[in-house]
Amino acid sequence: VARAVIAIDGPAASGKSSTAQWVARELGFCHVDSGSLYRAVTAAALRRAIPPEEWTGKQVLDAARSVSTTPAGTSVVPLIDGELAEAEMRGPSVTASVSRIARMPAVRAWVNEQVRRVARDYDVVADGRDMGTAVFPDADLKVYLIADSWERAKRRLVQHLRRLPTPEEIAAETDRLVHRDALDATQSVQARDAVLIDTTHLLQEEQVERIVALARAAIRRPASG
């Protein structure tokens, strides 16, 4: 039986991962986040103590050999040297260098293959870069999430700070996100057949309901016989 694939793309901090995770739970699918794999590879490369500006694709791929994946709840998560390293992967040094790594064609090919491998074993909700274009051009459903950059900055800060950020903090984070959008522009392209959802004024629950409804309609397989 062909596995079902829901592909969710969008710019940084558009809510892809948390929404994809929730959608996967609702559908009973496995969630896989390519962004976490890029972060894991970045963390693994940083452990090698080579300055990021000197990284080559070969060095980064060599570091990627220490990254593996394991099921955790309804998600598949990366391990570095066989251990979870969530705090390290979300740290500022990884955040500062992950775009550099994600622009390396060989690294993108490696990450995309890890995501496809998960989809060979499970029905998946996959989010990140290239999902509806390079990774799963034949996905059952492609969704592209967008949100106003101020709103994305605010959401990201709430997630990290666990409190309401000040307008000054949001302004600074908005600048960082706009810069990141420019770096990521070639990797977060909307597939021509993707459903565009602007989440600026949507509650996350509303986003999830909409995507789950679209997914159920898209994967309703004809009854055999």
N, C-alpha and C. Protein backbone atom coordinates (compact mmCIF):
# COMPACT_ATOMS: atom_id res chain seq x y z
N VAL A 1 0.85 -1.19 0.00
CA VAL A 1 0.00 0.00 0.00
C VAL A 1 0.89 1.24 0.00
N ALA A 2 0.61 2.16 -0.91
CA ALA A 2 1.39 3.41 -0.94
C ALA A 2 1.12 4.19 0.34
N ARG A 3 2.17 4.75 0.89
CA ARG A 3 2.04 5.55 2.11
C ARG A 3 1.49 6.93 1.77
N ALA A 4 0.68 7.48 2.69
CA ALA A 4 0.14 8.82 2.49
C ALA A 4 1.16 9.86 2.95
N VAL A 5 1.24 10.97 2.20
CA VAL A 5 2.18 12.04 2.54
C VAL A 5 1.46 13.39 2.53
N ILE A 6 1.55 14.10 3.65
CA ILE A 6 1.09 15.48 3.74
C ILE A 6 2.35 16.33 3.87
N ALA A 7 2.58 17.25 2.93
CA ALA A 7 3.79 18.08 2.94
C ALA A 7 3.44 19.50 3.34
N ILE A 8 4.12 20.02 4.36
CA ILE A 8 3.85 21.38 4.84
C ILE A 8 5.13 22.21 4.73
N ASP A 9 5.04 23.27 3.92
CA ASP A 9 6.17 24.19 3.73
C ASP A 9 5.79 25.58 4.24
N GLY A 10 6.80 26.44 4.24
CA GLY A 10 6.56 27.83 4.65
C GLY A 10 7.83 28.44 5.20
N PRO A 11 7.87 29.75 5.33
CA PRO A 11 9.07 30.41 5.86
C PRO A 11 9.32 30.08 7.33
N ALA A 12 10.49 30.45 7.81
CA ALA A 12 10.86 30.21 9.22
C ALA A 12 9.81 30.81 10.15
N ALA A 13 9.50 30.09 11.22
CA ALA A 13 8.58 30.56 12.27
C ALA A 13 7.15 30.79 11.78
N SER A 14 6.77 30.09 10.70
CA SER A 14 5.38 30.21 10.24
C SER A 14 4.49 29.20 10.96
N GLY A 15 5.06 28.46 11.91
CA GLY A 15 4.28 27.52 12.71
C GLY A 15 4.21 26.13 12.11
N LYS A 16 5.11 25.84 11.16
CA LYS A 16 5.04 24.56 10.44
C LYS A 16 5.13 23.36 11.38
N SER A 17 6.17 23.35 12.22
CA SER A 17 6.45 22.13 12.98
C SER A 17 5.39 21.82 14.01
N SER A 18 4.99 22.83 14.81
CA SER A 18 4.00 22.55 15.85
C SER A 18 2.65 22.19 15.22
N THR A 19 2.32 22.85 14.10
CA THR A 19 1.07 22.54 13.41
C THR A 19 1.14 21.14 12.79
N ALA A 20 2.27 20.82 12.15
CA ALA A 20 2.44 19.50 11.52
C ALA A 20 2.35 18.39 12.56
N GLN A 21 2.94 18.64 13.73
CA GLN A 21 2.91 17.64 14.81
C GLN A 21 1.47 17.36 15.24
N TRP A 22 0.70 18.41 15.39
CA TRP A 22 -0.70 18.30 15.81
C TRP A 22 -1.52 17.60 14.73
N VAL A 23 -1.29 17.97 13.47
CA VAL A 23 -2.00 17.34 12.35
C VAL A 23 -1.70 15.83 12.33
N ALA A 24 -0.42 15.49 12.53
CA ALA A 24 -0.02 14.07 12.53
C ALA A 24 -0.75 13.31 13.63
N ARG A 25 -0.85 13.92 14.81
CA ARG A 25 -1.57 13.28 15.93
C ARG A 25 -3.03 13.03 15.57
N GLU A 26 -3.66 14.05 14.97
CA GLU A 26 -5.09 13.94 14.60
C GLU A 26 -5.32 12.84 13.57
N LEU A 27 -4.36 12.69 12.64
CA LEU A 27 -4.53 11.71 11.56
C LEU A 27 -3.97 10.33 11.91
N GLY A 28 -3.22 10.27 13.02
CA GLY A 28 -2.55 9.00 13.35
C GLY A 28 -1.36 8.73 12.46
N PHE A 29 -0.74 9.81 11.96
CA PHE A 29 0.43 9.70 11.08
C PHE A 29 1.69 9.95 11.90
N CYS A 30 2.83 9.79 11.24
CA CYS A 30 4.12 10.09 11.85
C CYS A 30 4.57 11.48 11.39
N HIS A 31 5.05 12.30 12.31
CA HIS A 31 5.53 13.64 11.98
C HIS A 31 7.04 13.61 11.79
N VAL A 32 7.50 14.23 10.70
CA VAL A 32 8.94 14.36 10.49
C VAL A 32 9.24 15.81 10.06
N ASP A 33 10.19 16.41 10.76
CA ASP A 33 10.52 17.83 10.58
C ASP A 33 11.92 17.93 10.00
N SER A 34 12.02 18.34 8.74
CA SER A 34 13.36 18.41 8.13
C SER A 34 14.21 19.48 8.80
N GLY A 35 13.57 20.53 9.34
CA GLY A 35 14.32 21.58 10.02
C GLY A 35 15.12 21.05 11.19
N SER A 36 14.56 20.06 11.91
CA SER A 36 15.29 19.50 13.06
C SER A 36 16.51 18.71 12.58
N LEU A 37 16.42 18.12 11.39
CA LEU A 37 17.58 17.40 10.84
C LEU A 37 18.68 18.38 10.44
N TYR A 38 18.29 19.50 9.82
CA TYR A 38 19.30 20.53 9.51
C TYR A 38 19.96 21.04 10.79
N ARG A 39 19.17 21.22 11.83
CA ARG A 39 19.73 21.70 13.11
C ARG A 39 20.68 20.66 13.71
N ALA A 40 20.28 19.39 13.61
CA ALA A 40 21.13 18.33 14.16
C ALA A 40 22.47 18.28 13.42
N VAL A 41 22.42 18.39 12.10
CA VAL A 41 23.65 18.37 11.31
C VAL A 41 24.52 19.60 11.66
N THR A 42 23.87 20.75 11.83
CA THR A 42 24.61 21.97 12.20
C THR A 42 25.29 21.79 13.55
N ALA A 43 24.55 21.25 14.52
CA ALA A 43 25.12 21.00 15.86
C ALA A 43 26.30 20.03 15.76
N ALA A 44 26.12 18.98 14.96
CA ALA A 44 27.19 17.99 14.80
C ALA A 44 28.43 18.64 14.17
N ALA A 45 28.22 19.54 13.19
CA ALA A 45 29.35 20.23 12.55
C ALA A 45 30.04 21.17 13.54
N LEU A 46 29.24 21.86 14.36
CA LEU A 46 29.82 22.78 15.35
C LEU A 46 30.68 22.03 16.37
N ARG A 47 30.31 20.79 16.67
CA ARG A 47 31.10 19.99 17.62
C ARG A 47 32.51 19.73 17.09
N ARG A 48 32.69 19.85 15.78
CA ARG A 48 34.01 19.57 15.18
C ARG A 48 34.97 20.75 15.35
N ALA A 49 34.47 21.86 15.88
CA ALA A 49 35.31 23.03 16.19
C ALA A 49 35.97 23.65 14.95
N ILE A 50 35.33 23.51 13.79
CA ILE A 50 35.80 24.21 12.58
C ILE A 50 34.92 25.46 12.43
N PRO A 51 35.48 26.64 12.22
CA PRO A 51 34.65 27.84 12.09
C PRO A 51 33.62 27.67 10.96
N PRO A 52 32.35 28.03 11.21
CA PRO A 52 31.30 27.84 10.20
C PRO A 52 31.64 28.44 8.83
N GLU A 53 32.34 29.58 8.83
CA GLU A 53 32.65 30.20 7.52
C GLU A 53 33.64 29.37 6.71
N GLU A 54 34.28 28.39 7.35
CA GLU A 54 35.23 27.52 6.63
C GLU A 54 34.63 26.16 6.26
N TRP A 55 33.38 25.93 6.65
CA TRP A 55 32.76 24.63 6.38
C TRP A 55 32.69 24.34 4.88
N THR A 56 32.95 23.08 4.52
CA THR A 56 32.71 22.62 3.15
C THR A 56 31.60 21.58 3.22
N GLY A 57 30.96 21.33 2.07
CA GLY A 57 29.92 20.32 2.02
C GLY A 57 30.42 18.97 2.49
N LYS A 58 31.67 18.64 2.13
CA LYS A 58 32.24 17.35 2.52
C LYS A 58 32.39 17.24 4.04
N GLN A 59 32.87 18.31 4.68
CA GLN A 59 33.03 18.29 6.14
C GLN A 59 31.68 18.14 6.84
N VAL A 60 30.68 18.85 6.32
CA VAL A 60 29.36 18.82 6.95
C VAL A 60 28.72 17.45 6.77
N LEU A 61 28.87 16.87 5.59
CA LEU A 61 28.34 15.51 5.37
C LEU A 61 29.04 14.51 6.27
N ASP A 62 30.32 14.71 6.49
CA ASP A 62 31.07 13.84 7.40
C ASP A 62 30.48 13.94 8.81
N ALA A 63 30.17 15.18 9.24
CA ALA A 63 29.55 15.39 10.56
C ALA A 63 28.15 14.76 10.60
N ALA A 64 27.45 14.79 9.46
CA ALA A 64 26.08 14.24 9.40
C ALA A 64 26.04 12.74 9.67
N ARG A 65 27.19 12.07 9.50
CA ARG A 65 27.21 10.62 9.76
C ARG A 65 26.93 10.32 11.23
N SER A 66 27.11 11.30 12.10
CA SER A 66 26.84 11.07 13.53
C SER A 66 25.37 11.31 13.87
N VAL A 67 24.57 11.71 12.86
CA VAL A 67 23.14 12.00 13.08
C VAL A 67 22.30 10.81 12.63
N SER A 68 21.40 10.37 13.50
CA SER A 68 20.47 9.29 13.15
C SER A 68 19.08 9.74 13.59
N THR A 69 18.07 8.91 13.33
CA THR A 69 16.71 9.27 13.75
C THR A 69 16.10 8.14 14.58
N THR A 70 15.16 8.52 15.42
CA THR A 70 14.46 7.53 16.25
C THR A 70 13.01 7.95 16.44
N PRO A 71 12.06 7.02 16.51
CA PRO A 71 10.68 7.39 16.81
C PRO A 71 10.56 7.93 18.24
N ALA A 72 9.78 8.99 18.42
CA ALA A 72 9.51 9.54 19.76
C ALA A 72 8.07 10.02 19.77
N GLY A 73 7.19 9.24 20.39
CA GLY A 73 5.76 9.58 20.34
C GLY A 73 5.28 9.46 18.91
N THR A 74 4.63 10.52 18.41
CA THR A 74 4.14 10.48 17.03
C THR A 74 5.14 11.10 16.05
N SER A 75 6.35 11.45 16.52
CA SER A 75 7.35 12.07 15.65
C SER A 75 8.56 11.16 15.47
N VAL A 76 9.34 11.50 14.46
CA VAL A 76 10.67 10.93 14.32
C VAL A 76 11.64 12.06 14.62
N VAL A 77 12.56 11.85 15.55
CA VAL A 77 13.45 12.94 15.97
C VAL A 77 14.91 12.55 15.74
N PRO A 78 15.79 13.56 15.55
CA PRO A 78 17.19 13.26 15.32
C PRO A 78 17.96 13.03 16.61
N LEU A 79 18.97 12.18 16.51
CA LEU A 79 19.93 11.95 17.59
C LEU A 79 21.31 12.35 17.07
N ILE A 80 22.15 12.86 17.96
CA ILE A 80 23.55 13.13 17.60
C ILE A 80 24.40 12.18 18.44
N ASP A 81 25.20 11.38 17.76
CA ASP A 81 25.99 10.33 18.45
C ASP A 81 25.08 9.48 19.35
N GLY A 82 23.89 9.18 18.84
CA GLY A 82 22.97 8.29 19.56
C GLY A 82 22.22 8.92 20.72
N GLU A 83 22.35 10.24 20.91
CA GLU A 83 21.68 10.89 22.04
C GLU A 83 20.83 12.06 21.58
N LEU A 84 19.73 12.30 22.32
CA LEU A 84 18.91 13.48 22.07
C LEU A 84 19.73 14.72 22.44
N ALA A 85 19.61 15.77 21.63
CA ALA A 85 20.39 17.00 21.92
C ALA A 85 19.53 18.22 21.59
N GLU A 86 18.26 18.18 22.05
CA GLU A 86 17.29 19.22 21.69
C GLU A 86 17.77 20.61 22.09
N ALA A 87 18.25 20.77 23.33
CA ALA A 87 18.66 22.11 23.79
C ALA A 87 19.82 22.64 22.94
N GLU A 88 20.77 21.77 22.65
CA GLU A 88 21.92 22.16 21.82
C GLU A 88 21.46 22.55 20.41
N MET A 89 20.53 21.75 19.85
CA MET A 89 20.04 22.02 18.49
C MET A 89 19.27 23.33 18.39
N ARG A 90 18.63 23.74 19.49
CA ARG A 90 17.83 24.98 19.48
C ARG A 90 18.64 26.18 19.95
N GLY A 91 19.91 25.97 20.26
CA GLY A 91 20.75 27.04 20.81
C GLY A 91 21.10 28.10 19.78
N PRO A 92 21.56 29.27 20.25
CA PRO A 92 21.83 30.40 19.35
C PRO A 92 22.93 30.13 18.32
N SER A 93 23.95 29.33 18.68
CA SER A 93 25.02 29.10 17.71
C SER A 93 24.53 28.26 16.53
N VAL A 94 23.63 27.32 16.81
CA VAL A 94 23.04 26.51 15.72
C VAL A 94 22.11 27.40 14.88
N THR A 95 21.28 28.20 15.56
CA THR A 95 20.35 29.09 14.84
C THR A 95 21.12 30.03 13.91
N ALA A 96 22.28 30.49 14.35
CA ALA A 96 23.08 31.43 13.54
C ALA A 96 23.68 30.77 12.30
N SER A 97 23.87 29.44 12.33
CA SER A 97 24.60 28.78 11.23
C SER A 97 23.76 27.84 10.39
N VAL A 98 22.51 27.58 10.80
CA VAL A 98 21.72 26.55 10.10
C VAL A 98 21.40 26.95 8.66
N SER A 99 21.20 28.24 8.38
CA SER A 99 20.91 28.65 7.00
C SER A 99 22.09 28.38 6.08
N ARG A 100 23.31 28.57 6.61
CA ARG A 100 24.52 28.30 5.83
C ARG A 100 24.56 26.83 5.39
N ILE A 101 24.24 25.95 6.33
CA ILE A 101 24.26 24.51 6.05
C ILE A 101 23.14 24.11 5.09
N ALA A 102 21.97 24.73 5.29
CA ALA A 102 20.81 24.36 4.47
C ALA A 102 20.97 24.78 3.01
N ARG A 103 21.92 25.67 2.74
CA ARG A 103 22.13 26.09 1.35
C ARG A 103 23.10 25.15 0.61
N MET A 104 23.69 24.19 1.33
CA MET A 104 24.64 23.27 0.69
C MET A 104 23.89 22.14 -0.01
N PRO A 105 23.98 22.05 -1.35
CA PRO A 105 23.19 21.04 -2.08
C PRO A 105 23.37 19.61 -1.56
N ALA A 106 24.60 19.25 -1.21
CA ALA A 106 24.84 17.87 -0.76
C ALA A 106 24.15 17.61 0.58
N VAL A 107 24.12 18.62 1.43
CA VAL A 107 23.46 18.46 2.74
C VAL A 107 21.95 18.38 2.55
N ARG A 108 21.42 19.22 1.66
CA ARG A 108 19.97 19.17 1.38
C ARG A 108 19.58 17.80 0.84
N ALA A 109 20.40 17.26 -0.04
CA ALA A 109 20.11 15.93 -0.60
C ALA A 109 20.11 14.88 0.52
N TRP A 110 21.07 15.00 1.45
CA TRP A 110 21.15 14.04 2.56
C TRP A 110 19.91 14.14 3.46
N VAL A 111 19.55 15.37 3.84
CA VAL A 111 18.37 15.56 4.71
C VAL A 111 17.11 15.04 4.01
N ASN A 112 16.96 15.40 2.73
CA ASN A 112 15.76 14.99 2.00
C ASN A 112 15.64 13.46 1.93
N GLU A 113 16.78 12.79 1.80
CA GLU A 113 16.76 11.32 1.76
C GLU A 113 16.34 10.73 3.10
N GLN A 114 16.77 11.36 4.21
CA GLN A 114 16.35 10.88 5.54
C GLN A 114 14.83 10.99 5.69
N VAL A 115 14.27 12.10 5.20
CA VAL A 115 12.82 12.32 5.30
C VAL A 115 12.07 11.30 4.44
N ARG A 116 12.57 11.07 3.21
CA ARG A 116 11.92 10.08 2.34
C ARG A 116 11.97 8.68 2.95
N ARG A 117 13.06 8.38 3.64
CA ARG A 117 13.22 7.07 4.26
C ARG A 117 12.11 6.84 5.29
N VAL A 118 11.81 7.86 6.09
CA VAL A 118 10.73 7.75 7.08
C VAL A 118 9.40 7.48 6.37
N ALA A 119 9.20 8.16 5.23
CA ALA A 119 7.94 8.04 4.50
C ALA A 119 7.78 6.68 3.82
N ARG A 120 8.87 5.92 3.73
CA ARG A 120 8.73 4.56 3.18
C ARG A 120 8.11 3.61 4.21
N ASP A 121 8.25 3.96 5.48
CA ASP A 121 7.75 3.09 6.55
C ASP A 121 6.44 3.55 7.19
N TYR A 122 6.14 4.84 7.07
CA TYR A 122 4.96 5.40 7.77
C TYR A 122 4.18 6.33 6.85
N ASP A 123 2.88 6.52 7.16
CA ASP A 123 2.15 7.66 6.62
C ASP A 123 2.71 8.87 7.35
N VAL A 124 3.08 9.93 6.61
CA VAL A 124 3.78 11.04 7.27
C VAL A 124 3.13 12.40 7.03
N VAL A 125 3.34 13.27 8.03
CA VAL A 125 3.16 14.70 7.85
C VAL A 125 4.57 15.26 7.93
N ALA A 126 5.08 15.76 6.80
CA ALA A 126 6.47 16.23 6.74
C ALA A 126 6.48 17.74 6.59
N ASP A 127 7.31 18.41 7.40
CA ASP A 127 7.39 19.86 7.27
C ASP A 127 8.84 20.29 7.17
N GLY A 128 9.05 21.46 6.59
CA GLY A 128 10.39 22.00 6.48
C GLY A 128 10.62 22.68 5.15
N ARG A 129 11.81 22.47 4.59
CA ARG A 129 12.16 23.07 3.31
C ARG A 129 11.96 22.05 2.20
N ASP A 130 11.61 22.53 1.02
CA ASP A 130 11.57 21.66 -0.18
C ASP A 130 10.51 20.55 -0.12
N MET A 131 9.67 20.50 0.92
CA MET A 131 8.83 19.32 1.11
C MET A 131 7.89 19.05 -0.07
N GLY A 132 7.17 20.10 -0.51
CA GLY A 132 6.20 19.89 -1.59
C GLY A 132 6.79 19.99 -2.98
N THR A 133 8.07 20.37 -3.05
CA THR A 133 8.71 20.54 -4.36
C THR A 133 9.72 19.41 -4.61
N ALA A 134 10.86 19.46 -3.94
CA ALA A 134 11.93 18.48 -4.21
C ALA A 134 11.70 17.13 -3.54
N VAL A 135 11.17 17.14 -2.31
CA VAL A 135 11.13 15.89 -1.54
C VAL A 135 9.92 15.03 -1.91
N PHE A 136 8.74 15.64 -1.89
CA PHE A 136 7.52 14.88 -2.19
C PHE A 136 6.69 15.61 -3.27
N PRO A 137 7.19 15.63 -4.51
CA PRO A 137 6.43 16.30 -5.57
C PRO A 137 5.05 15.66 -5.81
N ASP A 138 4.89 14.39 -5.38
CA ASP A 138 3.61 13.69 -5.57
C ASP A 138 2.84 13.54 -4.26
N ALA A 139 3.10 14.40 -3.28
CA ALA A 139 2.40 14.30 -1.99
C ALA A 139 0.89 14.35 -2.19
N ASP A 140 0.16 13.64 -1.31
CA ASP A 140 -1.31 13.63 -1.39
C ASP A 140 -1.87 15.04 -1.17
N LEU A 141 -1.22 15.79 -0.28
CA LEU A 141 -1.63 17.16 0.00
C LEU A 141 -0.39 18.00 0.26
N LYS A 142 -0.35 19.18 -0.35
CA LYS A 142 0.74 20.14 -0.08
C LYS A 142 0.12 21.40 0.49
N VAL A 143 0.68 21.85 1.60
CA VAL A 143 0.20 23.07 2.26
C VAL A 143 1.37 24.02 2.40
N TYR A 144 1.12 25.30 2.12
CA TYR A 144 2.15 26.33 2.31
C TYR A 144 1.61 27.34 3.30
N LEU A 145 2.25 27.39 4.49
CA LEU A 145 1.80 28.30 5.55
C LEU A 145 2.57 29.61 5.46
N ILE A 146 1.84 30.71 5.53
CA ILE A 146 2.50 32.02 5.62
C ILE A 146 1.90 32.77 6.80
N ALA A 147 2.63 33.76 7.28
CA ALA A 147 2.11 34.66 8.32
C ALA A 147 2.92 35.94 8.25
N ASP A 148 2.31 37.01 8.67
CA ASP A 148 2.96 38.31 8.76
C ASP A 148 4.25 38.17 9.60
N SER A 149 5.35 38.83 9.18
CA SER A 149 6.63 38.64 9.86
C SER A 149 6.60 39.09 11.32
N TRP A 150 5.83 40.12 11.65
CA TRP A 150 5.70 40.57 13.05
C TRP A 150 5.05 39.46 13.89
N GLU A 151 3.99 38.87 13.32
CA GLU A 151 3.28 37.79 14.03
C GLU A 151 4.18 36.57 14.20
N ARG A 152 4.95 36.24 13.17
CA ARG A 152 5.87 35.10 13.27
C ARG A 152 6.92 35.35 14.35
N ALA A 153 7.45 36.58 14.39
CA ALA A 153 8.45 36.93 15.40
C ALA A 153 7.86 36.81 16.80
N LYS A 154 6.65 37.31 16.96
CA LYS A 154 5.99 37.26 18.27
C LYS A 154 5.79 35.81 18.72
N ARG A 155 5.30 34.96 17.81
CA ARG A 155 5.07 33.55 18.14
C ARG A 155 6.36 32.86 18.55
N ARG A 156 7.43 33.13 17.80
CA ARG A 156 8.71 32.48 18.10
C ARG A 156 9.20 32.89 19.48
N LEU A 157 9.07 34.18 19.81
CA LEU A 157 9.54 34.66 21.11
C LEU A 157 8.69 34.09 22.26
N VAL A 158 7.39 34.02 22.06
CA VAL A 158 6.51 33.43 23.09
C VAL A 158 6.95 32.00 23.37
N GLN A 159 7.26 31.28 22.29
CA GLN A 159 7.70 29.88 22.43
C GLN A 159 9.01 29.79 23.21
N HIS A 160 9.96 30.69 22.91
CA HIS A 160 11.27 30.62 23.56
C HIS A 160 11.28 31.23 24.96
N LEU A 161 10.58 32.35 25.12
CA LEU A 161 10.66 33.08 26.39
C LEU A 161 9.61 32.63 27.40
N ARG A 162 8.55 31.95 26.89
CA ARG A 162 7.43 31.52 27.75
C ARG A 162 6.75 32.72 28.43
N ARG A 163 6.77 33.84 27.74
CA ARG A 163 6.05 35.04 28.23
C ARG A 163 5.77 35.93 27.02
N LEU A 164 4.96 36.97 27.23
CA LEU A 164 4.69 37.91 26.14
C LEU A 164 5.92 38.80 25.93
N PRO A 165 6.46 38.86 24.73
CA PRO A 165 7.62 39.70 24.49
C PRO A 165 7.25 41.18 24.40
N THR A 166 8.23 42.04 24.60
CA THR A 166 8.00 43.49 24.47
C THR A 166 8.01 43.86 22.98
N PRO A 167 7.43 45.01 22.62
CA PRO A 167 7.48 45.44 21.21
C PRO A 167 8.92 45.55 20.68
N GLU A 168 9.85 45.99 21.55
CA GLU A 168 11.26 46.10 21.12
C GLU A 168 11.84 44.72 20.79
N GLU A 169 11.51 43.73 21.63
CA GLU A 169 11.98 42.37 21.38
C GLU A 169 11.39 41.83 20.07
N ILE A 170 10.11 42.11 19.85
CA ILE A 170 9.46 41.63 18.61
C ILE A 170 10.10 42.30 17.39
N ALA A 171 10.37 43.60 17.51
CA ALA A 171 10.98 44.33 16.38
C ALA A 171 12.34 43.73 16.02
N ALA A 172 13.15 43.45 17.05
CA ALA A 172 14.48 42.88 16.80
C ALA A 172 14.37 41.49 16.17
N GLU A 173 13.43 40.68 16.68
CA GLU A 173 13.24 39.33 16.13
C GLU A 173 12.68 39.39 14.70
N THR A 174 11.82 40.38 14.43
CA THR A 174 11.28 40.56 13.07
C THR A 174 12.42 40.83 12.10
N ASP A 175 13.37 41.69 12.49
CA ASP A 175 14.53 41.97 11.63
C ASP A 175 15.30 40.70 11.33
N ARG A 176 15.50 39.88 12.38
CA ARG A 176 16.24 38.62 12.19
C ARG A 176 15.50 37.69 11.23
N LEU A 177 14.17 37.62 11.39
CA LEU A 177 13.37 36.74 10.53
C LEU A 177 13.37 37.20 9.08
N VAL A 178 13.28 38.51 8.86
CA VAL A 178 13.29 39.03 7.49
C VAL A 178 14.63 38.71 6.82
N HIS A 179 15.71 38.84 7.60
CA HIS A 179 17.04 38.49 7.09
C HIS A 179 17.10 36.99 6.76
N ARG A 180 16.55 36.16 7.67
CA ARG A 180 16.53 34.71 7.47
C ARG A 180 15.68 34.35 6.24
N ASP A 181 14.55 35.05 6.07
CA ASP A 181 13.70 34.80 4.89
C ASP A 181 14.50 35.00 3.60
N ALA A 182 15.32 36.07 3.59
CA ALA A 182 16.11 36.37 2.39
C ALA A 182 17.12 35.25 2.14
N LEU A 183 17.75 34.75 3.21
CA LEU A 183 18.72 33.64 3.07
C LEU A 183 18.04 32.36 2.60
N ASP A 184 16.81 32.15 3.09
CA ASP A 184 16.11 30.89 2.84
C ASP A 184 15.25 30.90 1.58
N ALA A 185 15.24 32.03 0.89
CA ALA A 185 14.25 32.21 -0.21
C ALA A 185 14.26 31.07 -1.22
N THR A 186 15.43 30.53 -1.53
CA THR A 186 15.46 29.47 -2.53
C THR A 186 15.01 28.13 -1.98
N GLN A 187 14.97 28.01 -0.63
CA GLN A 187 14.61 26.71 -0.05
C GLN A 187 13.15 26.62 0.38
N SER A 188 12.48 27.75 0.50
CA SER A 188 11.09 27.65 0.96
C SER A 188 10.16 28.19 -0.12
N VAL A 189 10.17 27.47 -1.24
CA VAL A 189 9.37 27.86 -2.40
C VAL A 189 8.02 27.15 -2.33
N GLN A 190 6.97 27.87 -2.68
CA GLN A 190 5.63 27.26 -2.67
C GLN A 190 5.44 26.40 -3.92
N ALA A 191 5.05 25.13 -3.73
CA ALA A 191 4.73 24.27 -4.87
C ALA A 191 3.51 24.83 -5.59
N ARG A 192 3.47 24.66 -6.90
CA ARG A 192 2.37 25.24 -7.69
C ARG A 192 1.00 24.70 -7.24
N ASP A 193 0.97 23.44 -6.80
CA ASP A 193 -0.31 22.84 -6.42
C ASP A 193 -0.53 22.83 -4.91
N ALA A 194 0.20 23.68 -4.19
CA ALA A 194 0.03 23.73 -2.72
C ALA A 194 -1.15 24.62 -2.36
N VAL A 195 -1.80 24.28 -1.24
CA VAL A 195 -2.88 25.12 -0.69
C VAL A 195 -2.22 26.16 0.20
N LEU A 196 -2.43 27.44 -0.12
CA LEU A 196 -1.83 28.53 0.67
C LEU A 196 -2.74 28.86 1.85
N ILE A 197 -2.19 28.85 3.06
CA ILE A 197 -2.97 29.21 4.25
C ILE A 197 -2.23 30.33 4.99
N ASP A 198 -2.88 31.50 5.09
CA ASP A 198 -2.31 32.61 5.85
C ASP A 198 -2.76 32.46 7.30
N THR A 199 -1.80 32.23 8.19
CA THR A 199 -2.14 31.92 9.59
C THR A 199 -2.08 33.15 10.51
N THR A 200 -1.83 34.33 9.91
CA THR A 200 -1.63 35.53 10.74
C THR A 200 -2.75 35.71 11.76
N HIS A 201 -4.00 35.52 11.31
CA HIS A 201 -5.14 35.76 12.20
C HIS A 201 -5.88 34.47 12.57
N LEU A 202 -5.20 33.33 12.39
CA LEU A 202 -5.83 32.05 12.72
C LEU A 202 -5.27 31.51 14.03
N LEU A 203 -6.14 30.96 14.85
CA LEU A 203 -5.66 30.19 16.00
C LEU A 203 -5.04 28.91 15.46
N GLN A 204 -4.09 28.36 16.20
CA GLN A 204 -3.44 27.14 15.72
C GLN A 204 -4.47 26.02 15.54
N GLU A 205 -5.43 25.96 16.45
CA GLU A 205 -6.48 24.94 16.35
C GLU A 205 -7.22 25.04 15.01
N GLU A 206 -7.43 26.29 14.55
CA GLU A 206 -8.14 26.49 13.27
C GLU A 206 -7.27 26.03 12.10
N GLN A 207 -5.97 26.32 12.18
CA GLN A 207 -5.05 25.85 11.12
C GLN A 207 -5.11 24.33 11.03
N VAL A 208 -5.02 23.69 12.21
CA VAL A 208 -4.97 22.23 12.27
C VAL A 208 -6.27 21.64 11.70
N GLU A 209 -7.40 22.19 12.12
CA GLU A 209 -8.70 21.68 11.63
C GLU A 209 -8.76 21.77 10.11
N ARG A 210 -8.31 22.90 9.58
CA ARG A 210 -8.38 23.11 8.13
C ARG A 210 -7.49 22.09 7.39
N ILE A 211 -6.27 21.89 7.89
CA ILE A 211 -5.34 20.97 7.22
C ILE A 211 -5.82 19.53 7.35
N VAL A 212 -6.34 19.16 8.52
CA VAL A 212 -6.84 17.79 8.73
C VAL A 212 -8.01 17.51 7.78
N ALA A 213 -8.89 18.49 7.62
CA ALA A 213 -10.04 18.32 6.70
C ALA A 213 -9.54 18.15 5.26
N LEU A 214 -8.58 18.99 4.86
CA LEU A 214 -8.01 18.88 3.51
C LEU A 214 -7.33 17.53 3.31
N ALA A 215 -6.60 17.08 4.35
CA ALA A 215 -5.88 15.81 4.27
C ALA A 215 -6.85 14.64 4.13
N ARG A 216 -7.91 14.66 4.94
CA ARG A 216 -8.87 13.54 4.88
C ARG A 216 -9.54 13.48 3.51
N ALA A 217 -9.81 14.65 2.93
CA ALA A 217 -10.41 14.67 1.58
C ALA A 217 -9.42 14.17 0.54
N ALA A 218 -8.15 14.53 0.72
CA ALA A 218 -7.12 14.18 -0.29
C ALA A 218 -6.76 12.70 -0.27
N ILE A 219 -6.82 12.09 0.93
CA ILE A 219 -6.35 10.70 1.02
C ILE A 219 -7.48 9.69 1.13
N ARG A 220 -8.70 10.17 0.89
CA ARG A 220 -9.82 9.23 0.92
C ARG A 220 -9.65 8.26 -0.25
N ARG A 221 -9.18 7.09 0.06
CA ARG A 221 -8.87 6.15 -1.02
C ARG A 221 -10.14 5.42 -1.47
N PRO A 222 -10.26 5.13 -2.76
CA PRO A 222 -11.45 4.40 -3.22
C PRO A 222 -11.52 3.01 -2.59
N ALA A 223 -12.73 2.61 -2.25
CA ALA A 223 -12.92 1.27 -1.64
C ALA A 223 -12.55 0.20 -2.67
N SER A 224 -11.87 -0.86 -2.22
CA SER A 224 -11.48 -1.92 -3.16
C SER A 224 -12.70 -2.75 -3.50
N GLY A 225 -12.64 -3.34 -4.70
CA GLY A 225 -13.76 -4.19 -5.15
C GLY A 225 -14.78 -3.29 -5.66
